[in-house]
Amino acid sequence: MTERWQISRVSPCRKYHVLPDGPMYSFRYEEVLPFHSPGLAPAKKGGEWFHIRPDGMPVYHQRYTRTFGYYEERAAVQKENEWYHILIDGDSAYQRRFGWCGNFQNGICTVRDLNGYYHHILPNGKDAYPERYVYAGDFREGSAVVRLNNGMCMHINEKGIPLQERTFSDLDVFHKGFARACDENGWFHIDREGKQIYQKRFKEIEPFYNRQALCKDFTGRIVIIDETGSEMLEINNGLPLIKEKGPKILVIGTLGAGKTTFSKYISNRMGLPFTGIDDCRRRFGDGTFVGEYRAWTEFIKTCGMPGGTVLEFSGGGPHVFAVRGALLNSEMPIYVVWLDPPLNICIRRASARENDVPAPYEWGDVDHSTAQIYKEVERSWEREWTVSPNIHFLHLKMMNEKSLDEQFKIFMDFMSGDADAPIDNY
């Protein structure tokens, strides 16, 4: 059953508490703060602070310079220049004194000692761990943010043990499994292991709320992203622009052509999710033909789903027809980009790469495989991709001397054009 203090609020003048049907009590104070469990609220009278019950009467006879709400049956108080916690009867919870105290959460509380350093204490006032920090915040979801002497931040657990090896220039507590973090390039989100969950950086970000977060990029755009970092909405002059309208962008090419790098760059810049066939193999494959079938089934299903996506596979082979059909069934605008650097460069890149993709066939001779896949891509380009009137196609040749940003600009110029570029335009 809800008690009356649980539905009370501070009056507009902040001198008493009110209920839906009127004042909670007849007393008036110089200032009051909200009620907290077990039903006590800070109040000020005659320049001194204490706690009151729901009937407006003081709980104890002690008076303090400042009092705050009760958390886990302890309230932070200030008496002149000393800070500590008191129990419900107003007595000290322990003998130690600090330069500042926070509130207890899950049996632990941040404090600043008399030398200006931060750490956490237990309900009995003893240290939770021996380390001291430039700053320490509240615990949430089993960890707290602390700032080191070098200005960098990290997460620690209740025993003071770092959760990750990496440190950050700025950091926030975890909220629903993710935390805001900042490095020299900007803000992003990390998981419990300290790994970034996407590549992009933002000027400002908010915590995730039910799988979405509000962010501002370095151009001033305000966007909503999901947990992959992909943009869901753009807030433009107060009007949301839905990214679910597409496009579908497929990047193809032989081994070592740079498909994955370029695809992820497009994904990051345009705020669209990325799916590559090798990612599907890592997630759904197990090195068997059954696993390979599962990987391709998932990839083709993604091609056919509505919504903008950046996709990547060689562009040749036995699955071309199914991929093309799925893209057309998505009813999204479709752009196919053939990355076509010189074959010797592709071979050199592919030879330097380690194969960590589960597949039912062995990693063949790189020179032969690269050339063979190139022929398959060339054949599919002529017979499957460029013959469809509903597919926009772009053949990027000899682009190895251009930066990713320059290649992306060419692609964006192509997308914004009124007509398809000639096949060998670039």
Protein backbone atom coordinates (compact mmCIF):
# COMPACT_ATOMS: atom_id res chain seq x y z
CA MET A 1 0.00 0.00 0.00
CA THR A 2 1.38 3.42 -0.97
CA GLU A 3 2.04 5.69 2.02
CA ARG A 4 1.11 9.37 1.87
CA TRP A 5 4.69 10.61 1.79
CA GLN A 6 5.35 8.53 -1.36
CA ILE A 7 2.86 10.62 -3.36
CA SER A 8 3.89 13.96 -1.85
CA ARG A 9 5.89 16.67 -3.57
CA VAL A 10 7.62 19.86 -2.52
CA SER A 11 5.37 22.93 -2.70
CA PRO A 12 6.16 25.62 -5.31
CA CYS A 13 7.51 27.90 -2.55
CA ARG A 14 9.63 24.98 -1.25
CA LYS A 15 8.55 25.64 2.35
CA TYR A 16 6.37 22.53 2.90
CA HIS A 17 5.11 19.34 1.25
CA VAL A 18 1.81 18.91 -0.52
CA LEU A 19 -0.50 16.01 -1.38
CA PRO A 20 -3.03 15.88 -4.23
CA ASP A 21 -5.71 17.15 -1.82
CA GLY A 22 -3.67 19.94 -0.19
CA PRO A 23 -0.82 20.68 2.29
CA MET A 24 0.62 17.61 3.99
CA TYR A 25 0.97 19.33 7.42
CA SER A 26 0.51 22.75 8.99
CA PHE A 27 4.18 23.61 9.62
CA ARG A 28 6.16 25.94 7.36
CA TYR A 29 9.94 25.80 7.01
CA GLU A 30 12.58 27.94 5.37
CA GLU A 31 13.18 25.13 2.88
CA VAL A 32 12.38 21.45 2.45
CA LEU A 33 13.62 18.67 0.15
CA PRO A 34 11.66 15.59 -1.07
CA PHE A 35 10.82 12.62 1.12
CA HIS A 36 12.91 9.47 0.83
CA SER A 37 12.50 6.01 2.35
CA PRO A 38 11.80 5.33 5.18
CA GLY A 39 9.59 8.43 4.95
CA LEU A 40 11.89 11.26 6.07
CA ALA A 41 12.67 14.59 4.41
CA PRO A 42 15.37 17.26 4.96
CA ALA A 43 14.08 20.58 6.32
CA LYS A 44 15.62 23.89 7.33
CA LYS A 45 14.54 26.15 10.19
CA GLY A 46 16.46 28.93 11.93
CA GLY A 47 19.34 28.40 9.51
CA GLU A 48 19.81 24.78 10.67
CA TRP A 49 18.97 21.53 8.90
CA PHE A 50 17.44 18.28 10.18
CA HIS A 51 14.88 15.68 9.02
CA ILE A 52 11.11 15.65 9.45
CA ARG A 53 8.44 12.94 9.49
CA PRO A 54 5.34 12.92 7.23
CA ASP A 55 3.45 14.85 9.94
CA GLY A 56 6.01 17.68 9.65
CA MET A 57 7.62 17.05 13.06
CA PRO A 58 11.41 16.76 13.49
CA VAL A 59 12.74 13.20 13.83
CA TYR A 60 15.60 13.95 16.24
CA HIS A 61 17.06 16.81 18.27
CA GLN A 62 20.43 17.12 16.45
CA ARG A 63 20.96 20.02 14.04
CA TYR A 64 23.35 20.29 11.08
CA THR A 65 24.78 22.81 8.63
CA ARG A 66 23.10 20.81 5.84
CA THR A 67 21.21 17.52 5.50
CA PHE A 68 20.30 15.43 2.48
CA GLY A 69 17.88 12.58 1.74
CA TYR A 70 18.11 9.12 3.26
CA TYR A 71 19.45 6.34 1.05
CA GLU A 72 19.67 2.82 2.46
CA GLU A 73 18.84 4.20 5.92
CA ARG A 74 21.76 6.63 5.89
CA ALA A 75 21.74 10.33 5.11
CA ALA A 76 24.70 12.53 4.21
CA VAL A 77 25.07 15.54 6.47
CA GLN A 78 27.44 18.49 6.80
CA LYS A 79 28.35 19.91 10.21
CA GLU A 80 30.49 22.98 9.71
CA ASN A 81 33.39 21.75 7.52
CA GLU A 82 32.96 18.03 8.18
CA TRP A 83 30.79 15.57 6.27
CA TYR A 84 29.56 12.12 7.33
CA HIS A 85 26.45 9.93 7.40
CA ILE A 86 23.80 9.68 10.07
CA LEU A 87 21.32 6.97 10.98
CA ILE A 88 17.56 7.41 11.20
CA ASP A 89 17.80 8.63 14.82
CA GLY A 90 20.25 11.37 13.83
CA ASP A 91 23.33 9.72 15.36
CA SER A 92 26.56 9.23 13.41
CA ALA A 93 26.77 6.02 11.40
CA TYR A 94 30.54 5.89 12.09
CA GLN A 95 33.32 7.99 13.66
CA ARG A 96 35.20 9.09 10.53
CA ARG A 97 34.79 12.53 8.98
CA PHE A 98 35.23 13.58 5.34
CA GLY A 99 35.50 16.66 3.17
CA TRP A 100 32.33 15.61 1.31
CA CYS A 101 29.94 12.63 1.13
CA GLY A 102 27.65 11.22 -1.52
CA ASN A 103 24.73 8.84 -1.03
CA PHE A 104 24.82 5.09 -0.41
CA GLN A 105 23.80 2.92 -3.34
CA ASN A 106 23.98 -0.88 -3.19
CA GLY A 107 25.93 -0.71 0.06
CA ILE A 108 28.70 1.60 -1.12
CA CYS A 109 29.19 5.39 -1.22
CA THR A 110 31.63 7.86 -2.75
CA VAL A 111 33.43 10.31 -0.42
CA ARG A 112 36.17 12.92 -0.61
CA ASP A 113 38.74 12.69 2.17
CA LEU A 114 40.19 15.65 4.05
CA ASN A 115 43.17 15.68 1.65
CA GLY A 116 40.92 16.20 -1.37
CA TYR A 117 41.03 12.66 -2.80
CA TYR A 118 38.04 10.47 -3.61
CA HIS A 119 37.26 6.84 -2.87
CA HIS A 120 34.33 4.68 -1.72
CA ILE A 121 33.29 3.56 1.74
CA LEU A 122 31.07 0.83 3.19
CA PRO A 123 28.06 1.46 5.50
CA ASN A 124 30.32 1.14 8.58
CA GLY A 125 32.56 3.94 7.27
CA LYS A 126 35.46 1.67 6.36
CA ASP A 127 37.22 1.93 3.00
CA ALA A 128 35.91 -0.34 0.26
CA TYR A 129 39.49 -0.49 -1.16
CA PRO A 130 42.82 1.28 -0.45
CA GLU A 131 43.18 3.33 -3.68
CA ARG A 132 42.55 7.09 -3.92
CA TYR A 133 41.45 9.02 -7.00
CA VAL A 134 41.15 12.57 -8.29
CA TYR A 135 37.42 11.90 -8.52
CA ALA A 136 35.04 8.98 -7.97
CA GLY A 137 31.36 8.81 -8.89
CA ASP A 138 28.39 6.75 -7.74
CA PHE A 139 28.09 3.05 -8.44
CA ARG A 140 25.59 1.91 -11.04
CA GLU A 141 25.15 -1.55 -12.52
CA GLY A 142 28.07 -2.81 -10.45
CA SER A 143 30.70 -0.22 -11.36
CA ALA A 144 31.72 3.40 -10.85
CA VAL A 145 33.76 5.92 -12.84
CA VAL A 146 36.99 7.16 -11.30
CA ARG A 147 39.43 9.76 -12.60
CA LEU A 148 43.16 9.06 -12.26
CA ASN A 149 46.01 11.47 -11.50
CA ASN A 150 46.80 11.68 -15.22
CA GLY A 151 43.28 12.92 -15.92
CA MET A 152 42.11 9.69 -17.58
CA CYS A 153 39.00 7.79 -16.50
CA MET A 154 38.15 4.14 -15.97
CA HIS A 155 35.49 1.87 -14.45
CA ILE A 156 36.10 0.00 -11.20
CA ASN A 157 34.06 -2.61 -9.35
CA GLU A 158 33.07 -2.50 -5.65
CA LYS A 159 36.52 -3.80 -4.66
CA GLY A 160 38.34 -1.09 -6.62
CA ILE A 161 39.46 -3.46 -9.39
CA PRO A 162 39.43 -1.92 -12.91
CA LEU A 163 36.85 -3.46 -15.24
CA GLN A 164 38.87 -2.74 -18.38
CA GLU A 165 42.51 -2.17 -19.24
CA ARG A 166 41.68 0.84 -21.39
CA THR A 167 41.24 4.34 -19.97
CA PHE A 168 39.29 7.23 -21.49
CA SER A 169 39.51 11.02 -21.50
CA ASP A 170 35.94 11.11 -20.19
CA LEU A 171 33.53 8.42 -19.10
CA ASP A 172 30.03 7.81 -17.72
CA VAL A 173 28.46 5.05 -15.63
CA PHE A 174 26.78 2.10 -17.30
CA HIS A 175 23.14 2.41 -18.23
CA LYS A 176 21.38 -0.73 -19.47
CA GLY A 177 24.69 -2.38 -20.31
CA PHE A 178 26.39 0.49 -22.14
CA ALA A 179 28.36 3.54 -21.07
CA ARG A 180 29.23 6.85 -22.72
CA ALA A 181 32.96 7.23 -23.34
CA CYS A 182 35.19 9.85 -24.92
CA ASP A 183 38.64 9.68 -26.51
CA GLU A 184 40.67 12.17 -28.53
CA ASN A 185 38.25 11.80 -31.46
CA GLY A 186 34.95 12.31 -29.64
CA TRP A 187 32.15 10.54 -27.80
CA PHE A 188 30.88 6.97 -28.38
CA HIS A 189 29.38 4.06 -26.42
CA ILE A 190 31.21 1.06 -24.94
CA ASP A 191 30.16 -2.31 -23.54
CA ARG A 192 31.11 -3.82 -20.17
CA GLU A 193 34.47 -4.95 -21.52
CA GLY A 194 35.34 -1.41 -22.62
CA LYS A 195 34.95 -2.23 -26.31
CA GLN A 196 33.39 0.38 -28.57
CA ILE A 197 30.14 -0.92 -30.02
CA TYR A 198 30.53 1.12 -33.22
CA GLN A 199 33.29 3.08 -34.97
CA LYS A 200 31.75 6.54 -35.32
CA ARG A 201 32.49 9.46 -32.97
CA PHE A 202 30.12 12.25 -31.96
CA LYS A 203 30.40 15.72 -30.45
CA GLU A 204 27.71 14.90 -27.90
CA ILE A 205 25.79 11.73 -27.00
CA GLU A 206 23.18 10.62 -24.49
CA PRO A 207 22.89 7.21 -22.78
CA PHE A 208 20.85 4.54 -24.55
CA TYR A 209 17.16 4.57 -23.72
CA ASN A 210 15.30 1.44 -24.86
CA ARG A 211 17.93 0.72 -27.56
CA GLN A 212 18.25 4.26 -28.93
CA ALA A 213 20.39 7.31 -28.08
CA LEU A 214 20.27 10.98 -29.08
CA CYS A 215 23.58 12.24 -30.54
CA LYS A 216 25.01 15.37 -32.15
CA ASP A 217 27.75 14.93 -34.75
CA PHE A 218 30.57 17.37 -35.50
CA THR A 219 28.56 19.09 -38.24
CA GLY A 220 25.76 19.92 -35.81
CA ARG A 221 23.36 17.24 -37.05
CA ILE A 222 21.15 15.75 -34.32
CA VAL A 223 20.43 12.08 -34.89
CA ILE A 224 18.97 9.05 -33.15
CA ILE A 225 21.22 5.97 -33.30
CA ASP A 226 20.65 2.33 -32.41
CA GLU A 227 23.05 0.04 -30.55
CA THR A 228 25.07 -0.62 -33.71
CA GLY A 229 25.71 3.12 -34.15
CA SER A 230 23.42 3.25 -37.19
CA GLU A 231 21.22 6.30 -37.60
CA MET A 232 17.51 5.66 -37.16
CA LEU A 233 16.30 9.25 -37.42
CA GLU A 234 17.72 12.67 -38.16
CA ILE A 235 16.18 15.58 -36.29
CA ASN A 236 16.21 18.33 -38.91
CA ASN A 237 14.58 21.64 -37.95
CA GLY A 238 12.36 19.72 -35.59
CA LEU A 239 11.24 17.20 -38.25
CA PRO A 240 12.40 13.54 -38.12
CA LEU A 241 13.84 12.08 -41.34
CA ILE A 242 13.40 8.30 -41.29
CA LYS A 243 16.41 6.25 -42.38
CA GLU A 244 14.21 3.18 -42.88
CA LYS A 245 13.50 4.41 -46.43
CA GLY A 246 16.85 3.18 -47.66
CA PRO A 247 18.96 2.90 -49.68
CA LYS A 248 20.42 -0.58 -50.13
CA ILE A 249 24.11 -0.24 -51.00
CA LEU A 250 26.00 -3.35 -52.15
CA VAL A 251 29.81 -3.23 -52.49
CA ILE A 252 31.35 -6.01 -54.60
CA GLY A 253 34.83 -6.98 -55.82
CA THR A 254 37.42 -9.70 -55.74
CA LEU A 255 39.68 -10.65 -52.83
CA GLY A 256 41.66 -7.69 -51.47
CA ALA A 257 39.64 -5.08 -53.36
CA GLY A 258 38.90 -3.19 -50.12
CA LYS A 259 35.19 -4.02 -49.97
CA THR A 260 34.90 -4.32 -46.21
CA THR A 261 36.91 -1.17 -45.50
CA PHE A 262 34.93 0.92 -47.98
CA SER A 263 31.59 -0.58 -46.89
CA LYS A 264 32.20 0.20 -43.22
CA TYR A 265 33.32 3.71 -44.15
CA ILE A 266 30.05 4.26 -46.04
CA SER A 267 28.12 2.74 -43.12
CA ASN A 268 29.79 5.07 -40.65
CA ARG A 269 29.41 8.21 -42.75
CA MET A 270 25.80 7.58 -43.77
CA GLY A 271 24.63 6.10 -40.48
CA LEU A 272 23.43 2.86 -42.04
CA PRO A 273 23.89 -0.66 -40.62
CA PHE A 274 26.54 -2.88 -42.26
CA THR A 275 26.33 -6.59 -43.06
CA GLY A 276 29.01 -8.56 -44.92
CA ILE A 277 28.92 -12.22 -45.89
CA ASP A 278 32.01 -12.91 -43.78
CA ASP A 279 30.28 -11.37 -40.76
CA CYS A 280 27.37 -13.75 -41.34
CA ARG A 281 29.83 -16.65 -41.58
CA ARG A 282 31.39 -15.68 -38.25
CA ARG A 283 27.98 -15.37 -36.60
CA PHE A 284 26.10 -18.29 -38.16
CA GLY A 285 28.74 -20.52 -39.76
CA ASP A 286 30.74 -23.30 -38.16
CA GLY A 287 33.01 -24.43 -40.99
CA THR A 288 30.50 -26.95 -42.33
CA PHE A 289 28.30 -26.78 -45.43
CA VAL A 290 25.27 -26.52 -43.15
CA GLY A 291 26.88 -23.51 -41.45
CA GLU A 292 27.67 -21.98 -44.85
CA TYR A 293 24.01 -22.39 -45.83
CA ARG A 294 22.91 -20.66 -42.61
CA ALA A 295 25.30 -17.76 -43.28
CA TRP A 296 24.06 -17.21 -46.82
CA THR A 297 20.44 -17.55 -45.74
CA GLU A 298 20.94 -14.79 -43.18
CA PHE A 299 22.80 -12.57 -45.64
CA ILE A 300 20.13 -12.96 -48.33
CA LYS A 301 17.40 -12.33 -45.75
CA THR A 302 19.14 -9.07 -44.77
CA CYS A 303 19.31 -8.07 -48.44
CA GLY A 304 15.56 -8.44 -48.71
CA MET A 305 14.58 -6.64 -45.51
CA PRO A 306 13.15 -3.11 -45.80
CA GLY A 307 15.42 -0.32 -44.57
CA GLY A 308 18.75 1.17 -45.53
CA THR A 309 21.72 -1.19 -45.30
CA VAL A 310 25.32 -1.36 -46.55
CA LEU A 311 26.09 -4.89 -47.78
CA GLU A 312 29.24 -6.57 -49.01
CA PHE A 313 30.21 -9.79 -50.80
CA SER A 314 32.26 -10.64 -53.89
CA GLY A 315 29.38 -10.05 -56.30
CA GLY A 316 29.97 -13.28 -58.17
CA GLY A 317 29.33 -16.97 -57.61
CA PRO A 318 26.21 -19.11 -57.25
CA HIS A 319 24.31 -16.75 -54.93
CA VAL A 320 24.24 -13.68 -57.19
CA PHE A 321 20.75 -14.35 -58.50
CA ALA A 322 19.31 -14.83 -54.98
CA VAL A 323 21.03 -11.70 -53.65
CA ARG A 324 19.81 -9.60 -56.57
CA GLY A 325 16.29 -10.93 -56.19
CA ALA A 326 16.25 -10.19 -52.47
CA LEU A 327 17.49 -6.63 -53.04
CA LEU A 328 14.76 -6.02 -55.60
CA ASN A 329 12.14 -7.50 -53.27
CA SER A 330 13.17 -5.03 -50.54
CA GLU A 331 11.61 -2.26 -52.65
CA MET A 332 14.43 0.04 -51.55
CA PRO A 333 16.64 2.15 -53.88
CA ILE A 334 19.55 -0.13 -54.84
CA TYR A 335 23.14 0.97 -55.53
CA VAL A 336 25.78 -1.58 -56.53
CA VAL A 337 29.42 -0.44 -56.43
CA TRP A 338 32.20 -2.53 -57.99
CA LEU A 339 35.54 -1.75 -56.36
CA ASP A 340 38.11 -2.61 -59.02
CA PRO A 341 41.72 -1.75 -58.13
CA PRO A 342 44.60 -3.33 -60.13
CA LEU A 343 44.71 -7.10 -59.73
CA ASN A 344 48.29 -7.14 -58.43
CA ILE A 345 47.26 -4.84 -55.56
CA CYS A 346 44.33 -7.11 -54.70
CA ILE A 347 46.63 -10.13 -54.65
CA ARG A 348 49.14 -8.38 -52.40
CA ARG A 349 46.43 -7.34 -49.94
CA ALA A 350 44.80 -10.79 -49.93
CA SER A 351 48.16 -12.52 -49.40
CA ALA A 352 48.82 -10.42 -46.28
CA ARG A 353 45.45 -11.24 -44.75
CA GLU A 354 44.83 -14.00 -42.22
CA ASN A 355 41.75 -16.11 -42.87
CA ASP A 356 39.57 -16.25 -39.75
CA VAL A 357 36.27 -16.94 -41.48
CA PRO A 358 34.62 -20.35 -40.90
CA ALA A 359 33.90 -21.94 -44.30
CA PRO A 360 33.59 -25.52 -45.55
CA TYR A 361 36.29 -25.05 -48.20
CA GLU A 362 40.00 -24.50 -47.70
CA TRP A 363 41.74 -21.18 -48.31
CA GLY A 364 43.07 -21.70 -51.87
CA ASP A 365 46.01 -20.26 -53.75
CA VAL A 366 45.59 -16.49 -53.42
CA ASP A 367 46.87 -15.58 -56.90
CA HIS A 368 44.58 -18.07 -58.59
CA SER A 369 41.56 -17.38 -56.33
CA THR A 370 41.79 -13.60 -56.72
CA ALA A 371 41.94 -13.86 -60.51
CA GLN A 372 39.18 -16.47 -60.66
CA ILE A 373 36.82 -14.46 -58.43
CA TYR A 374 37.57 -11.38 -60.54
CA LYS A 375 36.36 -13.21 -63.65
CA GLU A 376 33.17 -14.24 -61.83
CA VAL A 377 32.53 -10.65 -60.71
CA GLU A 378 33.14 -9.39 -64.26
CA ARG A 379 30.70 -11.94 -65.65
CA SER A 380 28.02 -11.13 -63.07
CA TRP A 381 28.50 -7.40 -63.59
CA GLU A 382 27.66 -7.76 -67.26
CA ARG A 383 24.91 -10.36 -66.93
CA GLU A 384 23.21 -9.64 -63.61
CA TRP A 385 23.94 -6.24 -62.11
CA THR A 386 24.04 -3.76 -65.01
CA VAL A 387 21.14 -5.27 -66.94
CA SER A 388 18.52 -4.46 -64.31
CA PRO A 389 16.72 -1.12 -64.81
CA ASN A 390 16.01 -0.94 -61.06
CA ILE A 391 19.65 -1.06 -59.97
CA HIS A 392 21.98 1.94 -59.99
CA PHE A 393 25.54 0.80 -60.69
CA LEU A 394 28.97 2.37 -60.30
CA HIS A 395 32.29 0.87 -61.41
CA LEU A 396 35.15 2.36 -59.40
CA LYS A 397 38.37 1.54 -61.27
CA MET A 398 41.94 2.41 -60.30
CA MET A 399 40.89 4.01 -57.00
CA ASN A 400 43.83 2.75 -54.94
CA GLU A 401 45.57 6.14 -55.02
CA LYS A 402 42.54 7.97 -53.66
CA SER A 403 41.69 8.24 -49.96
CA LEU A 404 38.54 6.74 -48.52
CA ASP A 405 37.10 10.22 -48.17
CA GLU A 406 37.74 10.95 -51.85
CA GLN A 407 36.19 7.64 -52.87
CA PHE A 408 33.20 8.36 -50.66
CA LYS A 409 32.75 11.79 -52.25
CA ILE A 410 32.70 10.21 -55.72
CA PHE A 411 30.10 7.74 -54.49
CA MET A 412 27.94 10.47 -52.94
CA ASP A 413 28.19 12.58 -56.10
CA PHE A 414 27.04 9.53 -58.03
CA MET A 415 24.10 8.93 -55.68
CA SER A 416 22.96 12.54 -55.91
CA GLY A 417 23.14 12.59 -59.74
CA ASP A 418 20.09 12.54 -61.99
CA ALA A 419 21.37 9.61 -64.08
CA ASP A 420 23.65 6.60 -63.68
CA ALA A 421 27.32 7.17 -64.37
CA PRO A 422 28.81 5.26 -67.34
CA ILE A 423 30.27 1.96 -66.23
CA ASP A 424 33.88 3.07 -66.63
CA ASN A 425 33.37 6.66 -65.60
CA TYR A 426 35.81 6.39 -62.65
